PDB file of N, CA and C in Angstrom:
ATOM      1  N   MET A   1      49.011  30.139  47.906  1.00  0.00           N
ATOM      2  CA  MET A   1      50.001  30.675  47.709  1.00  0.00           C
ATOM      3  C   MET A   1      50.627  30.968  46.426  1.00  0.00           C
ATOM      4  N   ALA A   2      51.687  32.171  46.227  1.00  0.00           N
ATOM      5  CA  ALA A   2      51.913  32.362  45.301  1.00  0.00           C
ATOM      6  C   ALA A   2      52.879  31.967  44.223  1.00  0.00           C
ATOM      7  N   THR A   3      52.336  32.318  42.893  1.00  0.00           N
ATOM      8  CA  THR A   3      52.956  31.544  41.770  1.00  0.00           C
ATOM      9  C   THR A   3      54.684  31.582  41.832  1.00  0.00           C
ATOM     10  N   VAL A   4      54.921  30.414  41.432  1.00  0.00           N
ATOM     11  CA  VAL A   4      57.008  30.638  41.500  1.00  0.00           C
ATOM     12  C   VAL A   4      56.836  30.729  39.948  1.00  0.00           C
ATOM     13  N   VAL A   5      57.896  31.985  39.590  1.00  0.00           N
ATOM     14  CA  VAL A   5      58.400  31.861  37.964  1.00  0.00           C
ATOM     15  C   VAL A   5      59.798  31.344  37.889  1.00  0.00           C
ATOM     16  N   ASP A   6      59.992  30.441  36.990  1.00  0.00           N
ATOM     17  CA  ASP A   6      61.505  29.942  36.611  1.00  0.00           C
ATOM     18  C   ASP A   6      61.660  31.242  35.582  1.00  0.00           C
ATOM     19  N   ILE A   7      63.054  31.562  36.191  1.00  0.00           N
ATOM     20  CA  ILE A   7      63.430  33.086  35.662  1.00  0.00           C
ATOM     21  C   ILE A   7      63.829  32.703  33.658  1.00  0.00           C
ATOM     22  N   GLY A   8      64.135  31.479  34.196  1.00  0.00           N
ATOM     23  CA  GLY A   8      65.074  30.718  32.515  1.00  0.00           C
ATOM     24  C   GLY A   8      63.985  30.716  31.584  1.00  0.00           C
ATOM     25  N   SER A   9      62.763  30.209  32.193  1.00  0.00           N
ATOM     26  CA  SER A   9      61.812  30.477  31.001  1.00  0.00           C
ATOM     27  C   SER A   9      61.511  31.629  30.674  1.00  0.00           C
ATOM     28  N   LEU A  10      61.886  32.929  31.205  1.00  0.00           N
ATOM     29  CA  LEU A  10      61.623  34.096  30.686  1.00  0.00           C
ATOM     30  C   LEU A  10      61.913  35.037  29.555  1.00  0.00           C
ATOM     31  N   ILE A  11      62.907  34.157  29.033  1.00  0.00           N
ATOM     32  CA  ILE A  11      63.765  34.710  27.555  1.00  0.00           C
ATOM     33  C   ILE A  11      64.101  33.705  26.613  1.00  0.00           C
ATOM     34  N   VAL A  12      63.501  33.785  25.687  1.00  0.00           N
ATOM     35  CA  VAL A  12      63.182  32.705  24.594  1.00  0.00           C
ATOM     36  C   VAL A  12      63.870  32.906  23.140  1.00  0.00           C
ATOM     37  N   HIS A  13      64.752  32.363  22.338  1.00  0.00           N
ATOM     38  CA  HIS A  13      64.927  32.356  21.088  1.00  0.00           C
ATOM     39  C   HIS A  13      63.644  31.492  19.850  1.00  0.00           C
ATOM     40  N   SER A  14      63.703  32.058  19.080  1.00  0.00           N
ATOM     41  CA  SER A  14      62.939  31.362  18.213  1.00  0.00           C
ATOM     42  C   SER A  14      63.524  31.618  16.728  1.00  0.00           C
ATOM     43  N   PRO A  15      63.516  30.747  15.948  1.00  0.00           N
ATOM     44  CA  PRO A  15      64.291  30.969  14.496  1.00  0.00           C
ATOM     45  C   PRO A  15      63.106  31.839  13.703  1.00  0.00           C
ATOM     46  N   GLU A  16      62.146  31.521  13.366  1.00  0.00           N
ATOM     47  CA  GLU A  16      61.213  32.317  12.948  1.00  0.00           C
ATOM     48  C   GLU A  16      60.363  33.532  13.557  1.00  0.00           C
ATOM     49  N   VAL A  17      60.904  33.846  15.352  1.00  0.00           N
ATOM     50  CA  VAL A  17      60.279  34.977  15.714  1.00  0.00           C
ATOM     51  C   VAL A  17      61.942  36.281  15.682  1.00  0.00           C
ATOM     52  N   ARG A  18      61.723  37.266  15.284  1.00  0.00           N
ATOM     53  CA  ARG A  18      62.714  38.607  15.202  1.00  0.00           C
ATOM     54  C   ARG A  18      64.206  38.218  15.103  1.00  0.00           C
ATOM     55  N   GLY A  19      63.885  36.524  13.913  1.00  0.00           N
ATOM     56  CA  GLY A  19      65.478  36.488  13.688  1.00  0.00           C
ATOM     57  C   GLY A  19      66.432  35.271  14.466  1.00  0.00           C
ATOM     58  N   GLY A  20      65.507  35.446  15.412  1.00  0.00           N
ATOM     59  CA  GLY A  20      66.462  34.269  16.384  1.00  0.00           C
ATOM     60  C   GLY A  20      66.731  34.964  17.876  1.00  0.00           C
ATOM     61  N   ARG A  21      66.936  36.052  17.630  1.00  0.00           N
ATOM     62  CA  ARG A  21      67.046  37.343  18.521  1.00  0.00           C
ATOM     63  C   ARG A  21      66.658  36.748  19.704  1.00  0.00           C
ATOM     64  N   PRO A  22      67.623  37.340  21.049  1.00  0.00           N
ATOM     65  CA  PRO A  22      66.591  36.352  22.256  1.00  0.00           C
ATOM     66  C   PRO A  22      65.414  37.365  22.740  1.00  0.00           C
ATOM     67  N   ARG A  23      64.507  37.213  23.340  1.00  0.00           N
ATOM     68  CA  ARG A  23      63.328  38.075  23.118  1.00  0.00           C
ATOM     69  C   ARG A  23      62.733  37.649  24.409  1.00  0.00           C
ATOM     70  N   ILE A  24      61.456  38.157  25.303  1.00  0.00           N
ATOM     71  CA  ILE A  24      60.880  38.113  25.972  1.00  0.00           C
ATOM     72  C   ILE A  24      59.765  36.501  25.433  1.00  0.00           C
ATOM     73  N   ALA A  25      59.582  36.059  26.592  1.00  0.00           N
ATOM     74  CA  ALA A  25      58.572  35.299  26.079  1.00  0.00           C
ATOM     75  C   ALA A  25      57.202  35.750  25.855  1.00  0.00           C
ATOM     76  N   GLY A  26      56.774  34.888  24.944  1.00  0.00           N
ATOM     77  CA  GLY A  26      55.087  35.502  25.056  1.00  0.00           C
ATOM     78  C   GLY A  26      55.163  36.952  23.810  1.00  0.00           C
ATOM     79  N   THR A  27      56.208  37.363  23.626  1.00  0.00           N
ATOM     80  CA  THR A  27      56.162  38.701  23.412  1.00  0.00           C
ATOM     81  C   THR A  27      56.895  39.257  22.021  1.00  0.00           C
ATOM     82  N   GLY A  28      56.888  39.516  21.495  1.00  0.00           N
ATOM     83  CA  GLY A  28      58.293  40.415  20.215  1.00  0.00           C
ATOM     84  C   GLY A  28      59.354  41.651  20.852  1.00  0.00           C
ATOM     85  N   VAL A  29      59.285  41.375  21.774  1.00  0.00           N
ATOM     86  CA  VAL A  29      60.375  42.354  22.518  1.00  0.00           C
ATOM     87  C   VAL A  29      61.520  41.897  22.846  1.00  0.00           C
ATOM     88  N   THR A  30      62.692  42.311  22.178  1.00  0.00           N
ATOM     89  CA  THR A  30      63.800  41.403  21.916  1.00  0.00           C
ATOM     90  C   THR A  30      64.848  42.313  23.205  1.00  0.00           C
ATOM     91  N   VAL A  31      66.062  41.877  23.845  1.00  0.00           N
ATOM     92  CA  VAL A  31      66.916  41.808  24.490  1.00  0.00           C
ATOM     93  C   VAL A  31      67.454  43.127  24.243  1.00  0.00           C
ATOM     94  N   ARG A  32      67.543  42.945  23.072  1.00  0.00           N
ATOM     95  CA  ARG A  32      68.101  44.140  22.082  1.00  0.00           C
ATOM     96  C   ARG A  32      67.510  45.462  22.191  1.00  0.00           C
ATOM     97  N   ARG A  33      66.395  45.778  22.365  1.00  0.00           N
ATOM     98  CA  ARG A  33      65.647  46.568  22.207  1.00  0.00           C
ATOM     99  C   ARG A  33      65.434  46.868  24.313  1.00  0.00           C
ATOM    100  N   ILE A  34      65.454  46.209  24.895  1.00  0.00           N
ATOM    101  CA  ILE A  34      65.493  46.351  26.365  1.00  0.00           C
ATOM    102  C   ILE A  34      66.956  47.145  26.822  1.00  0.00           C
ATOM    103  N   ALA A  35      67.797  46.358  26.302  1.00  0.00           N
ATOM    104  CA  ALA A  35      69.355  46.719  26.882  1.00  0.00           C
ATOM    105  C   ALA A  35      69.768  47.975  26.036  1.00  0.00           C
ATOM    106  N   GLY A  36      68.820  48.396  24.988  1.00  0.00           N
ATOM    107  CA  GLY A  36      68.891  50.014  24.049  1.00  0.00           C
ATOM    108  C   GLY A  36      68.763  51.002  25.183  1.00  0.00           C
ATOM    109  N   TRP A  37      67.223  50.619  25.791  1.00  0.00           N
ATOM    110  CA  TRP A  37      66.902  51.836  26.385  1.00  0.00           C
ATOM    111  C   TRP A  37      67.372  51.905  27.625  1.00  0.00           C
ATOM    112  N   TYR A  38      67.950  51.275  28.279  1.00  0.00           N
ATOM    113  CA  TYR A  38      68.619  50.934  29.354  1.00  0.00           C
ATOM    114  C   TYR A  38      69.877  51.510  29.148  1.00  0.00           C
ATOM    115  N   LYS A  39      70.618  51.020  28.030  1.00  0.00           N
ATOM    116  CA  LYS A  39      71.809  52.146  27.836  1.00  0.00           C
ATOM    117  C   LYS A  39      71.551  53.673  27.567  1.00  0.00           C
ATOM    118  N   LEU A  40      70.511  53.884  27.303  1.00  0.00           N
ATOM    119  CA  LEU A  40      70.130  55.654  27.137  1.00  0.00           C
ATOM    120  C   LEU A  40      69.970  55.997  27.904  1.00  0.00           C
ATOM    121  N   GLY A  41      69.731  55.260  29.386  1.00  0.00           N
ATOM    122  CA  GLY A  41      69.996  56.064  30.521  1.00  0.00           C
ATOM    123  C   GLY A  41      68.018  55.974  31.288  1.00  0.00           C
ATOM    124  N   LEU A  42      67.155  54.962  30.741  1.00  0.00           N
ATOM    125  CA  LEU A  42      65.904  54.462  31.129  1.00  0.00           C
ATOM    126  C   LEU A  42      66.426  53.479  32.386  1.00  0.00           C
ATOM    127  N   THR A  43      65.607  53.710  33.513  1.00  0.00           N
ATOM    128  CA  THR A  43      65.815  52.941  34.124  1.00  0.00           C
ATOM    129  C   THR A  43      64.913  51.312  34.076  1.00  0.00           C
ATOM    130  N   PRO A  44      65.037  50.236  34.566  1.00  0.00           N
ATOM    131  CA  PRO A  44      63.754  48.995  34.785  1.00  0.00           C
ATOM    132  C   PRO A  44      62.974  49.339  34.477  1.00  0.00           C
ATOM    133  N   GLU A  45      62.063  50.123  35.613  1.00  0.00           N
ATOM    134  CA  GLU A  45      60.823  50.782  35.998  1.00  0.00           C
ATOM    135  C   GLU A  45      60.148  51.466  34.783  1.00  0.00           C
ATOM    136  N   GLU A  46      61.005  52.519  34.633  1.00  0.00           N
ATOM    137  CA  GLU A  46      60.671  53.624  32.994  1.00  0.00           C
ATOM    138  C   GLU A  46      60.552  52.454  32.000  1.00  0.00           C
ATOM    139  N   ILE A  47      61.535  51.475  31.829  1.00  0.00           N
ATOM    140  CA  ILE A  47      61.069  50.251  30.451  1.00  0.00           C
ATOM    141  C   ILE A  47      59.452  50.182  30.759  1.00  0.00           C
ATOM    142  N   ALA A  48      59.488  49.064  31.824  1.00  0.00           N
ATOM    143  CA  ALA A  48      58.105  48.578  31.660  1.00  0.00           C
ATOM    144  C   ALA A  48      56.904  49.601  31.994  1.00  0.00           C
ATOM    145  N   ASP A  49      57.323  50.569  32.021  1.00  0.00           N
ATOM    146  CA  ASP A  49      56.488  51.642  32.024  1.00  0.00           C
ATOM    147  C   ASP A  49      55.792  52.278  30.462  1.00  0.00           C
ATOM    148  N   GLU A  50      57.240  51.986  29.592  1.00  0.00           N
ATOM    149  CA  GLU A  50      57.152  52.517  28.760  1.00  0.00           C
ATOM    150  C   GLU A  50      56.551  51.202  27.665  1.00  0.00           C
ATOM    151  N   ILE A  51      57.144  50.453  27.531  1.00  0.00           N
ATOM    152  CA  ILE A  51      55.903  48.985  27.338  1.00  0.00           C
ATOM    153  C   ILE A  51      55.199  48.404  28.144  1.00  0.00           C
ATOM    154  N   GLY A  52      54.145  48.796  28.004  1.00  0.00           N
ATOM    155  CA  GLY A  52      53.052  48.711  29.551  1.00  0.00           C
ATOM    156  C   GLY A  52      52.793  47.009  30.028  1.00  0.00           C
ATOM    157  N   HIS A  53      52.778  46.104  28.923  1.00  0.00           N
ATOM    158  CA  HIS A  53      52.381  44.875  28.737  1.00  0.00           C
ATOM    159  C   HIS A  53      53.795  44.517  29.276  1.00  0.00           C
ATOM    160  N   LEU A  54      54.903  44.836  29.233  1.00  0.00           N
ATOM    161  CA  LEU A  54      56.150  44.110  30.330  1.00  0.00           C
ATOM    162  C   LEU A  54      55.783  44.445  31.867  1.00  0.00           C
ATOM    163  N   SER A  55      56.057  43.078  32.485  1.00  0.00           N
ATOM    164  CA  SER A  55      56.398  43.142  33.873  1.00  0.00           C
ATOM    165  C   SER A  55      57.768  43.633  34.099  1.00  0.00           C
ATOM    166  N   LEU A  56      57.714  44.220  35.478  1.00  0.00           N
ATOM    167  CA  LEU A  56      59.317  44.485  36.049  1.00  0.00           C
ATOM    168  C   LEU A  56      60.053  43.573  35.592  1.00  0.00           C
ATOM    169  N   ALA A  57      59.879  42.127  36.314  1.00  0.00           N
ATOM    170  CA  ALA A  57      60.361  40.939  36.239  1.00  0.00           C
ATOM    171  C   ALA A  57      60.772  40.593  34.747  1.00  0.00           C
ATOM    172  N   GLN A  58      60.004  40.664  33.476  1.00  0.00           N
ATOM    173  CA  GLN A  58      60.542  40.351  32.189  1.00  0.00           C
ATOM    174  C   GLN A  58      61.732  41.354  31.816  1.00  0.00           C
ATOM    175  N   VAL A  59      61.268  42.628  32.516  1.00  0.00           N
ATOM    176  CA  VAL A  59      62.531  43.400  31.813  1.00  0.00           C
ATOM    177  C   VAL A  59      63.862  43.486  32.402  1.00  0.00           C
ATOM    178  N   HIS A  60      63.365  42.990  33.604  1.00  0.00           N
ATOM    179  CA  HIS A  60      64.994  42.608  34.723  1.00  0.00           C
ATOM    180  C   HIS A  60      65.676  41.485  34.198  1.00  0.00           C
ATOM    181  N   ALA A  61      64.750  40.045  33.593  1.00  0.00           N
ATOM    182  CA  ALA A  61      65.070  39.416  33.371  1.00  0.00           C
ATOM    183  C   ALA A  61      65.901  39.507  31.845  1.00  0.00           C
ATOM    184  N   ALA A  62      65.364  40.030  31.351  1.00  0.00           N
ATOM    185  CA  ALA A  62      65.911  40.610  29.739  1.00  0.00           C
ATOM    186  C   ALA A  62      67.668  41.672  30.372  1.00  0.00           C
ATOM    187  N   LEU A  63      67.529  42.064  31.310  1.00  0.00           N
ATOM    188  CA  LEU A  63      68.818  42.559  31.519  1.00  0.00           C
ATOM    189  C   LEU A  63      69.704  42.194  31.946  1.00  0.00           C
ATOM    190  N   ALA A  64      69.469  41.116  33.045  1.00  0.00           N
ATOM    191  CA  ALA A  64      70.170  39.878  33.035  1.00  0.00           C
ATOM    192  C   ALA A  64      70.730  39.135  32.051  1.00  0.00           C
ATOM    193  N   TYR A  65      70.068  38.560  31.073  1.00  0.00           N
ATOM    194  CA  TYR A  65      70.640  38.331  30.428  1.00  0.00           C
ATOM    195  C   TYR A  65      71.466  39.140  29.359  1.00  0.00           C
ATOM    196  N   TYR A  66      71.017  40.257  29.034  1.00  0.00           N
ATOM    197  CA  TYR A  66      71.989  41.234  28.407  1.00  0.00           C
ATOM    198  C   TYR A  66      73.154  41.175  29.237  1.00  0.00           C
ATOM    199  N   HIS A  67      73.199  41.550  30.510  1.00  0.00           N
ATOM    200  CA  HIS A  67      74.581  41.586  31.433  1.00  0.00           C
ATOM    201  C   HIS A  67      75.693  39.921  31.141  1.00  0.00           C
ATOM    202  N   ALA A  68      74.572  39.047  31.079  1.00  0.00           N
ATOM    203  CA  ALA A  68      75.029  38.381  30.984  1.00  0.00           C
ATOM    204  C   ALA A  68      75.828  37.485  29.722  1.00  0.00           C
ATOM    205  N   ASN A  69      75.516  37.922  28.635  1.00  0.00           N
ATOM    206  CA  ASN A  69      76.135  37.597  27.467  1.00  0.00           C
ATOM    207  C   ASN A  69      76.046  39.539  26.976  1.00  0.00           C
ATOM    208  N   ARG A  70      77.139  39.983  26.962  1.00  0.00           N
ATOM    209  CA  ARG A  70      76.667  41.307  26.716  1.00  0.00           C
ATOM    210  C   ARG A  70      77.488  41.602  25.309  1.00  0.00           C
ATOM    211  N   SER A  71      78.786  40.629  25.493  1.00  0.00           N
ATOM    212  CA  SER A  71      79.397  40.971  23.854  1.00  0.00           C
ATOM    213  C   SER A  71      78.412  40.204  22.728  1.00  0.00           C
ATOM    214  N   GLU A  72      77.552  39.304  22.861  1.00  0.00           N
ATOM    215  CA  GLU A  72      76.145  39.204  22.244  1.00  0.00           C
ATOM    216  C   GLU A  72      75.153  39.955  21.441  1.00  0.00           C
ATOM    217  N   ILE A  73      74.888  41.113  23.254  1.00  0.00           N
ATOM    218  CA  ILE A  73      74.068  41.965  22.577  1.00  0.00           C
ATOM    219  C   ILE A  73      74.921  42.809  21.965  1.00  0.00           C
ATOM    220  N   GLU A  74      75.972  43.600  22.090  1.00  0.00           N
ATOM    221  CA  GLU A  74      76.441  44.728  21.618  1.00  0.00           C
ATOM    222  C   GLU A  74      77.043  43.991  20.451  1.00  0.00           C
ATOM    223  N   ALA A  75      76.909  43.327  19.828  1.00  0.00           N
ATOM    224  CA  ALA A  75      77.394  42.856  18.782  1.00  0.00           C
ATOM    225  C   ALA A  75      76.156  43.298  17.924  1.00  0.00           C
ATOM    226  N   ASP A  76      74.971  43.025  18.509  1.00  0.00           N
ATOM    227  CA  ASP A  76      73.621  42.907  17.948  1.00  0.00           C
ATOM    228  C   ASP A  76      73.275  44.398  17.545  1.00  0.00           C
ATOM    229  N   LEU A  77      73.629  45.154  18.404  1.00  0.00           N
ATOM    230  CA  LEU A  77      73.095  46.348  18.833  1.00  0.00           C
ATOM    231  C   LEU A  77      74.224  47.845  17.504  1.00  0.00           C
ATOM    232  N   ALA A  78      75.522  46.821  17.437  1.00  0.00           N
ATOM    233  CA  ALA A  78      76.626  47.560  16.790  1.00  0.00           C
ATOM    234  C   ALA A  78      75.959  46.940  15.332  1.00  0.00           C
ATOM    235  N   ALA A  79      75.368  46.127  14.994  1.00  0.00           N
ATOM    236  CA  ALA A  79      75.115  45.842  13.488  1.00  0.00           C
ATOM    237  C   ALA A  79      74.021  46.603  13.098  1.00  0.00           C
ATOM    238  N   GLU A  80      72.640  46.975  14.579  1.00  0.00           N
ATOM    239  CA  GLU A  80      71.825  47.821  13.987  1.00  0.00           C
ATOM    240  C   GLU A  80      72.265  48.909  13.550  1.00  0.00           C
ATOM    241  N   GLU A  81      73.017  49.506  14.823  1.00  0.00           N
ATOM    242  CA  GLU A  81      73.426  51.351  14.026  1.00  0.00           C
ATOM    243  C   GLU A  81      74.560  51.497  12.972  1.00  0.00           C
ATOM    244  N   ALA A  82      74.866  50.168  12.681  1.00  0.00           N
ATOM    245  CA  ALA A  82      76.203  50.609  11.255  1.00  0.00           C
ATOM    246  C   ALA A  82      74.370  49.950  10.201  1.00  0.00           C
ATOM    247  N   ALA A  83      73.626  49.459  10.159  1.00  0.00           N
ATOM    248  CA  ALA A  83      72.669  49.016   8.942  1.00  0.00           C
ATOM    249  C   ALA A  83      71.959  50.283   8.699  1.00  0.00           C
ATOM    250  N   GLU A  84      71.474  51.315  10.229  1.00  0.00           N
ATOM    251  CA  GLU A  84      70.387  52.458   9.900  1.00  0.00           C
ATOM    252  C   GLU A  84      71.712  53.107   9.768  1.00  0.00           C
ATOM    253  N   SER A  85      72.491  53.478   9.907  1.00  0.00           N
ATOM    254  CA  SER A  85      73.584  54.697   9.239  1.00  0.00           C
ATOM    255  C   SER A  85      74.038  54.573   7.612  1.00  0.00           C
ATOM    256  N   GLY A  86      73.718  53.190   7.305  1.00  0.00           N
ATOM    257  CA  GLY A  86      73.683  53.187   5.981  1.00  0.00           C
ATOM    258  C   GLY A  86      72.566  53.509   5.055  1.00  0.00           C
ATOM    259  N   ARG A  87      71.924  54.052   5.616  1.00  0.00           N
ATOM    260  CA  ARG A  87      70.606  53.564   4.917  1.00  0.00           C
ATOM    261  C   ARG A  87      70.606  54.753   4.406  1.00  0.00           C
TER     262      ARG A  87
END
């Protein structure tokens, strides 16, 4: 029988990792990073290929989190862009 994965366990927050930003469990890959590539036009399959250690399910979980919490992630993306333009 196949192992069932609770999708709620795929995204985590830890204050000591990536500043507490939501990220894919067991990795340092943030939802913000996945959302940024998605907004650039990459498909979930292309993102999973780009970050070879992520499964397609993990990418979809990050995108589901992004869509469910769009204002939080968009604010984080905007802050990152502002910080980069101020360098």
